């Protein structure tokens, strides 16, 4: 009986440790395409909050080969119907073909967000632009919306 109780306790403890060690489920990113490039775009936090920094991570891959695109530049930009705007340039991330930008939305509400991307920085006239997407921005932490 004592051995059975010990085995049960070890099994429960093992299950709890395994559950605690699992990463949180990833929120699916925003998928965008141009003629030649596939983008997967994620934010941290999800959803963004007003007056707090949001990190956009952009993964860029060649549409035909699936290879990561390195050495590119671009920017994330956003605006509201009321005329508020924000943007930030992409900087290379830790993984090949990954770029980050830091955006600070000044108000909560609906924002229109887009991405401009230049694969070859030597060709200044070849900028690829994705379709814009809607981004809900929540009120700042601790703020109540009236």
Protein backbone atom coordinates (compact mmCIF):
# COMPACT_ATOMS: atom_id res chain seq x y z
CA UNK A 1 0.00 0.00 0.00
CA UNK A 2 2.80 2.42 0.88
CA UNK A 3 4.63 1.69 -2.39
CA UNK A 4 1.43 2.38 -4.36
CA UNK A 5 0.98 5.73 -2.57
CA UNK A 6 4.59 6.72 -3.30
CA UNK A 7 4.21 5.80 -6.98
CA UNK A 8 0.98 7.82 -7.17
CA UNK A 9 2.65 10.87 -5.59
CA UNK A 10 5.64 10.61 -7.94
CA UNK A 11 3.31 10.29 -10.94
CA UNK A 12 1.32 13.38 -9.93
CA UNK A 13 4.49 15.39 -9.25
CA UNK A 14 5.94 14.31 -12.58
CA UNK A 15 2.75 15.37 -14.40
CA UNK A 16 2.74 18.77 -12.67
CA UNK A 17 6.40 19.35 -13.53
CA UNK A 18 5.76 18.42 -17.15
CA UNK A 19 2.75 20.74 -17.38
CA UNK A 20 4.71 23.62 -15.86
CA UNK A 21 7.61 23.10 -18.26
CA UNK A 22 5.51 23.32 -21.41
CA UNK A 23 5.73 26.56 -23.33
CA UNK A 24 2.58 28.62 -23.62
CA UNK A 25 0.65 27.98 -26.83
CA UNK A 26 1.69 30.33 -29.63
CA UNK A 27 -0.84 32.66 -31.07
CA UNK A 28 -0.88 32.23 -34.83
CA UNK A 29 0.77 35.08 -36.66
CA UNK A 30 -0.54 37.28 -39.39
CA UNK A 31 0.27 35.79 -42.80
CA UNK A 32 1.01 38.20 -45.65
CA UNK A 33 2.24 37.64 -49.21
CA UNK A 34 3.74 39.66 -52.02
CA UNK A 35 4.61 38.32 -55.48
CA UNK A 36 7.91 36.87 -54.23
CA UNK A 37 7.83 36.79 -50.43
CA UNK A 38 5.83 35.09 -47.65
CA UNK A 39 5.66 36.88 -44.29
CA UNK A 40 4.65 35.57 -40.87
CA UNK A 41 4.15 38.48 -38.47
CA UNK A 42 3.66 38.14 -34.71
CA UNK A 43 3.29 40.62 -31.86
CA UNK A 44 4.31 40.67 -28.23
CA UNK A 45 2.07 41.29 -26.35
CA UNK A 46 -1.03 39.85 -27.98
CA UNK A 47 -3.07 41.97 -28.44
CA UNK A 48 -1.04 45.19 -28.19
CA UNK A 49 -1.83 47.83 -25.58
CA UNK A 50 -1.90 51.60 -25.99
CA UNK A 51 1.13 53.61 -24.79
CA UNK A 52 3.17 50.44 -24.27
CA UNK A 53 5.77 49.06 -26.64
CA UNK A 54 4.72 46.23 -28.92
CA UNK A 55 7.41 44.12 -30.56
CA UNK A 56 6.56 42.97 -34.07
CA UNK A 57 8.55 39.99 -35.30
CA UNK A 58 8.56 39.48 -39.06
CA UNK A 59 9.73 36.22 -40.62
CA UNK A 60 10.42 36.68 -44.35
CA UNK A 61 10.84 33.71 -46.71
CA UNK A 62 11.24 33.43 -50.46
CA UNK A 63 7.91 32.30 -51.87
CA UNK A 64 9.30 29.75 -54.33
CA UNK A 65 12.23 28.26 -52.38
CA UNK A 66 11.07 28.75 -48.79
CA UNK A 67 14.53 30.05 -47.86
CA UNK A 68 14.83 32.84 -45.26
CA UNK A 69 15.53 36.28 -46.70
CA UNK A 70 18.53 37.93 -45.05
CA UNK A 71 20.09 41.36 -45.45
CA UNK A 72 16.82 43.14 -46.16
CA UNK A 73 15.28 46.22 -44.62
CA UNK A 74 11.83 47.70 -44.24
CA UNK A 75 9.36 49.07 -41.77
CA UNK A 76 6.08 48.42 -39.97
CA UNK A 77 3.68 51.35 -40.06
CA UNK A 78 0.24 51.96 -38.58
CA UNK A 79 -2.49 54.58 -38.52
CA UNK A 80 -6.01 55.28 -37.29
CA UNK A 81 -9.00 56.94 -38.93
CA UNK A 82 -8.40 59.90 -36.62
CA UNK A 83 -4.93 60.49 -38.09
CA UNK A 84 -2.70 58.99 -35.37
CA UNK A 85 0.34 57.28 -36.89
CA UNK A 86 3.37 55.31 -35.79
CA UNK A 87 6.14 53.34 -37.48
CA UNK A 88 9.50 51.69 -36.88
CA UNK A 89 12.23 50.27 -39.08
CA UNK A 90 12.94 46.56 -39.17
CA UNK A 91 16.18 45.35 -37.62
CA UNK A 92 17.62 41.86 -38.13
CA UNK A 93 16.54 39.33 -35.49
CA UNK A 94 18.39 36.37 -34.03
CA UNK A 95 17.17 33.79 -36.57
CA UNK A 96 17.94 34.03 -40.31
CA UNK A 97 15.17 35.83 -42.18
CA UNK A 98 13.70 37.30 -38.99
CA UNK A 99 13.33 41.02 -38.31
CA UNK A 100 11.87 43.02 -35.43
CA UNK A 101 10.28 46.45 -34.99
CA UNK A 102 9.12 48.25 -31.86
CA UNK A 103 5.82 50.13 -32.16
CA UNK A 104 4.10 52.30 -29.58
CA UNK A 105 0.41 52.87 -30.28
CA UNK A 106 -0.67 56.14 -28.66
CA UNK A 107 -4.38 55.30 -28.39
CA UNK A 108 -6.50 52.21 -28.03
CA UNK A 109 -8.92 51.18 -30.76
CA UNK A 110 -8.66 49.92 -34.32
CA UNK A 111 -5.43 50.55 -36.21
CA UNK A 112 -4.56 49.76 -39.82
CA UNK A 113 -1.09 48.17 -39.97
CA UNK A 114 1.16 47.46 -42.96
CA UNK A 115 4.64 46.30 -43.88
CA UNK A 116 7.08 47.69 -46.44
CA UNK A 117 10.01 45.41 -47.23
CA UNK A 118 13.04 45.72 -49.49
CA UNK A 119 14.84 42.45 -50.15
CA UNK A 120 17.86 44.01 -51.85
CA UNK A 121 19.01 47.21 -50.13
CA UNK A 122 20.99 48.20 -53.25
CA UNK A 123 17.78 48.45 -55.32
CA UNK A 124 16.07 51.41 -53.71
CA UNK A 125 13.09 51.40 -56.07
CA UNK A 126 12.07 47.78 -55.39
CA UNK A 127 10.01 48.02 -52.22
CA UNK A 128 7.41 45.34 -51.64
CA UNK A 129 4.35 46.32 -49.67
CA UNK A 130 1.84 43.99 -48.05
CA UNK A 131 -1.85 44.62 -47.77
CA UNK A 132 -2.72 46.40 -44.55
CA UNK A 133 -4.48 44.51 -41.80
CA UNK A 134 -6.61 45.61 -38.86
CA UNK A 135 -5.03 45.51 -35.42
CA UNK A 136 -7.08 45.92 -32.25
CA UNK A 137 -5.15 47.86 -29.61
CA UNK A 138 -6.39 47.54 -26.04
CA UNK A 139 -6.36 50.29 -23.42
CA UNK A 140 -3.10 50.75 -21.52
CA UNK A 141 -2.55 48.51 -18.50
CA UNK A 142 -4.57 49.86 -15.58
CA UNK A 143 -6.57 52.24 -17.76
CA UNK A 144 -10.34 52.05 -18.05
CA UNK A 145 -12.09 53.02 -21.26
CA UNK A 146 -15.07 55.34 -20.81
